[in-house]
Protein backbone atom coordinates (compact mmCIF):
# COMPACT_ATOMS: atom_id res chain seq x y z
CA MET A 1 94.44 78.79 100.54
CA THR A 2 92.82 80.94 97.83
CA VAL A 3 94.40 82.58 94.74
CA PHE A 4 92.64 85.59 93.25
CA ASP A 5 93.33 86.68 89.68
CA CYS A 6 93.64 90.46 90.01
CA GLY A 7 93.53 90.81 86.24
CA GLU A 8 89.78 90.14 86.50
CA ARG A 9 87.83 93.03 88.06
CA GLY A 10 85.53 90.95 90.25
CA GLN A 11 88.30 88.73 91.53
CA ARG A 12 90.51 91.74 92.20
CA GLU A 13 87.85 93.36 94.41
CA ASP A 14 87.16 90.08 96.18
CA GLY A 15 90.87 89.35 96.58
CA LEU A 16 91.65 92.77 98.00
CA GLY A 17 88.80 92.38 100.48
CA ALA A 18 89.94 88.91 101.48
CA ALA A 19 93.57 90.06 101.80
CA ALA A 20 92.61 93.06 103.94
CA SER A 21 90.63 90.83 106.25
CA ALA A 22 93.52 88.37 106.48
CA VAL A 23 96.03 91.12 107.32
CA ARG A 24 93.79 92.56 109.98
CA SER A 25 93.45 89.14 111.60
CA GLY A 26 97.16 88.58 111.75
CA ARG A 27 97.50 86.16 108.81
CA LEU A 28 99.93 86.11 105.91
CA VAL A 29 99.19 87.20 102.35
CA VAL A 30 101.22 87.14 99.14
CA ILE A 31 100.99 90.27 96.94
CA PRO A 32 102.51 91.44 93.67
CA THR A 33 104.97 94.34 93.79
CA ASP A 34 107.01 96.18 91.23
CA THR A 35 110.05 94.05 91.99
CA VAL A 36 109.12 90.45 92.89
CA TYR A 37 106.15 88.96 94.76
CA GLY A 38 106.13 89.71 98.47
CA ILE A 39 104.84 87.83 101.53
CA GLY A 40 103.38 90.27 104.00
CA CYS A 41 101.41 90.89 107.17
CA ASP A 42 100.36 93.61 109.59
CA ALA A 43 103.56 95.47 110.51
CA PHE A 44 102.26 96.12 114.01
CA SER A 45 101.53 92.42 114.84
CA SER A 46 104.65 90.86 116.35
CA THR A 47 102.96 87.45 116.15
CA ALA A 48 102.22 87.89 112.46
CA VAL A 49 105.81 89.06 111.73
CA ALA A 50 107.18 86.06 113.64
CA GLY A 51 104.95 83.86 111.45
CA LEU A 52 106.27 85.52 108.34
CA LEU A 53 109.88 84.90 109.38
CA ALA A 54 109.05 81.31 110.24
CA ALA A 55 107.37 80.77 106.86
CA LYS A 56 110.57 81.96 105.18
CA ASN A 57 112.77 79.90 107.49
CA ARG A 58 114.48 83.11 108.63
CA GLY A 59 115.35 84.39 112.08
CA PRO A 60 115.10 87.91 113.60
CA ASP A 61 118.72 88.54 112.51
CA MET A 62 117.25 89.22 109.03
CA PRO A 63 114.58 91.81 109.78
CA VAL A 64 111.62 92.66 107.56
CA GLY A 65 111.12 95.90 105.73
CA VAL A 66 107.87 97.87 105.67
CA LEU A 67 105.80 98.87 102.63
CA VAL A 68 103.59 101.98 102.75
CA GLY A 69 100.77 103.20 100.53
CA SER A 70 101.57 106.94 100.54
CA TRP A 71 104.41 109.43 101.01
CA THR A 72 102.87 110.85 104.17
CA THR A 73 102.62 107.53 105.98
CA ILE A 74 106.31 107.67 106.92
CA ASP A 75 105.80 110.74 109.08
CA GLY A 76 104.13 108.59 111.78
CA LEU A 77 106.64 105.78 111.53
CA VAL A 78 110.05 107.43 111.97
CA LEU A 79 111.73 109.64 114.56
CA SER A 80 112.08 112.44 111.99
CA VAL A 81 112.09 112.80 108.22
CA PRO A 82 115.31 114.54 107.12
CA HIS A 83 115.51 116.65 103.96
CA THR A 84 117.44 113.86 102.22
CA ALA A 85 114.58 111.41 102.83
CA ARG A 86 111.99 113.84 101.49
CA THR A 87 114.10 114.37 98.40
CA LEU A 88 114.45 110.65 97.72
CA VAL A 89 110.77 109.99 98.39
CA GLU A 90 109.76 112.72 95.89
CA ALA A 91 112.21 111.52 93.32
CA PHE A 92 111.65 107.71 93.51
CA TRP A 93 108.42 106.87 95.23
CA PRO A 94 106.43 104.92 94.31
CA GLY A 95 109.23 102.81 93.02
CA ASP A 96 112.30 100.67 93.59
CA LEU A 97 114.07 102.62 96.35
CA SER A 98 114.04 101.70 100.04
CA ILE A 99 115.19 104.09 102.75
CA VAL A 100 116.39 103.20 106.23
CA LEU A 101 115.62 105.65 109.08
CA PRO A 102 115.41 105.51 112.90
CA HIS A 103 111.87 104.41 113.71
CA ALA A 104 109.61 106.28 116.13
CA PRO A 105 110.35 104.86 119.62
CA SER A 106 106.65 104.92 120.47
CA LEU A 107 105.79 102.27 117.85
CA ASN A 108 104.83 98.89 119.19
CA TRP A 109 106.27 96.59 116.61
CA ASP A 110 108.93 93.90 116.33
CA LEU A 111 110.35 93.49 112.80
CA GLY A 112 113.44 91.64 113.91
CA ASN A 113 116.84 92.84 115.03
CA THR A 114 116.63 96.28 113.39
CA GLY A 115 118.77 98.26 115.82
CA GLY A 116 116.05 100.81 116.20
CA THR A 117 115.68 101.46 112.47
CA VAL A 118 113.13 100.63 109.83
CA MET A 119 113.43 100.09 106.08
CA LEU A 120 110.56 101.77 104.14
CA ARG A 121 109.36 101.62 100.57
CA MET A 122 106.29 102.59 98.58
CA PRO A 123 105.91 100.02 95.73
CA LEU A 124 104.84 100.99 92.22
CA HIS A 125 102.11 98.41 91.83
CA PRO A 126 98.36 99.27 91.87
CA VAL A 127 97.26 96.09 93.74
CA ALA A 128 99.87 96.57 96.41
CA ILE A 129 99.10 100.27 96.78
CA GLU A 130 95.35 99.64 97.09
CA LEU A 131 95.84 97.02 99.79
CA LEU A 132 98.33 99.22 101.75
CA ARG A 133 95.95 102.15 101.69
CA GLU A 134 93.23 99.89 103.06
CA VAL A 135 95.20 98.22 105.86
CA GLY A 136 98.12 100.59 106.55
CA PRO A 137 101.82 99.70 106.71
CA MET A 138 102.68 96.09 106.08
CA ALA A 139 105.81 94.09 106.92
CA VAL A 140 106.77 92.58 103.58
CA SER A 141 109.66 90.37 102.43
CA SER A 142 110.33 88.69 99.08
CA ALA A 143 108.05 85.67 98.61
CA ASN A 144 110.50 82.82 98.93
CA ARG A 145 111.71 80.31 101.44
CA SER A 146 115.27 80.89 102.62
CA GLY A 147 117.75 79.76 99.97
CA GLN A 148 115.09 79.65 97.22
CA PRO A 149 114.72 82.19 94.38
CA PRO A 150 112.14 84.98 94.93
CA ALA A 151 108.76 84.29 93.34
CA SER A 152 108.12 86.24 90.12
CA THR A 153 104.60 84.82 89.75
CA ALA A 154 101.84 83.93 92.14
CA GLN A 155 102.17 80.24 91.24
CA GLU A 156 105.82 80.25 92.18
CA ALA A 157 104.84 81.64 95.55
CA VAL A 158 102.15 79.00 95.95
CA ASP A 159 104.69 76.29 95.11
CA GLN A 160 106.96 77.54 97.95
CA PHE A 161 104.43 78.41 100.68
CA GLY A 162 101.24 76.44 99.95
CA ASP A 163 98.83 76.59 102.84
CA LEU A 164 101.20 78.62 105.03
CA VAL A 165 99.62 81.64 103.30
CA GLY A 166 95.86 81.98 103.14
CA ILE A 167 95.44 84.58 100.37
CA TYR A 168 97.45 84.96 97.16
CA LEU A 169 96.83 88.01 94.93
CA ASP A 170 97.90 87.18 91.38
CA GLY A 171 98.96 90.34 89.54
CA GLY A 172 100.66 88.52 86.66
CA PRO A 173 104.47 88.08 86.15
CA SER A 174 106.57 90.60 88.07
CA GLY A 175 109.21 90.92 85.33
CA ASP A 176 112.91 90.91 85.97
CA PRO A 177 113.62 90.03 89.64
CA VAL A 178 115.73 93.14 90.33
CA PRO A 179 115.72 94.16 94.03
CA SER A 180 115.16 97.65 95.29
CA THR A 181 118.08 99.92 96.03
CA ILE A 182 118.56 100.50 99.78
CA VAL A 183 119.78 103.88 101.08
CA ASP A 184 120.66 104.20 104.80
CA LEU A 185 119.91 107.68 106.08
CA THR A 186 120.66 107.00 109.73
CA GLY A 187 124.23 108.44 109.63
CA ASP A 188 125.71 111.80 108.80
CA GLU A 189 125.88 110.99 105.07
CA PRO A 190 123.65 108.82 102.82
CA LEU A 191 124.95 105.29 102.47
CA VAL A 192 123.83 102.93 99.69
CA LEU A 193 123.64 99.54 101.33
CA ARG A 194 122.55 97.76 98.15
CA GLU A 195 122.44 98.99 94.56
CA GLY A 196 119.40 97.58 92.81
CA ALA A 197 116.92 98.96 90.29
CA VAL A 198 117.87 102.57 91.07
CA SER A 199 121.53 103.34 90.33
CA VAL A 200 123.88 104.99 92.76
CA ALA A 201 124.35 107.68 90.12
CA ALA A 202 120.61 108.42 90.13
CA VAL A 203 120.59 108.70 93.94
CA ARG A 204 123.59 111.02 93.78
CA GLU A 205 121.91 113.17 91.13
CA ALA A 206 118.66 113.46 93.10
CA LEU A 207 120.46 114.46 96.29
CA GLY A 208 123.01 116.67 94.59
CA THR A 209 125.78 115.35 96.78
CA GLU A 210 128.29 112.56 96.98
CA VAL A 211 126.87 109.25 98.17
CA ARG A 212 128.89 106.53 99.86
CA THR A 213 128.38 102.84 99.12
CA ALA A 214 128.74 99.94 101.56
CA ARG A 215 131.86 97.83 100.99
C-alpha cells in the first residue's frame, strides 16, 4: 500500500504513474473526485470489478458506475447518445451529474446487475481526469465499506480499506460529501433517480422540459 500526496508535483507524477500501472494490471486504486473519494479499477476487467465489490462488501445487485475523462468517451460506451444526453453533458460535465443510458451490447464488461445500462460521469477533479485520460473508463464507487460513511480524505479511505487497495492518490479533503445527481435517460422521458449536487430545477432548465423524479 502506497499513499501519494498529489499536492506535491513529484509525488503527483509518480502517483499517477503507479495508479495507471495498477489499473492496467487489474488492481484497485483510490482517487479523489469532486464529490467524495472513489475506489476504482479498470471498467473492462470483470475480475477487478468483482474485487472492488468484494472490498466494499457489496454484491452485484448494487452495480458500479463508470467515470470517463472526456465528453467523447461516451460515444463508444453506449448504444446511442440522445440529444438529452448531449445537452446534459454540455451543461454539467465535468461535474456532479451522472447519466444512465443503455450500454453498447458489444462491450465486454460486468459492472453488476445493470439491466443492460451504464451510469456515466465525468468528474471535475484534475487528478481524476488525468488518470482517466491515461487509462480510459474506470469503474468507480465511493470509497467506503458497506454501511460506513464515504471517505472525504485519503486517510479515511486508508482506514477503511488498508492493504486491500495498493495505490492511494491523496488530493486533499473532498469537501462536503454531496453525491452526484443521477438522471436516467433510458425511458421516453428524463427521470431523476437521485437529486444530489445538481438540482432538479437545474436539470429541467438545461433540458427545457419537464423532468420526472423517482418516488
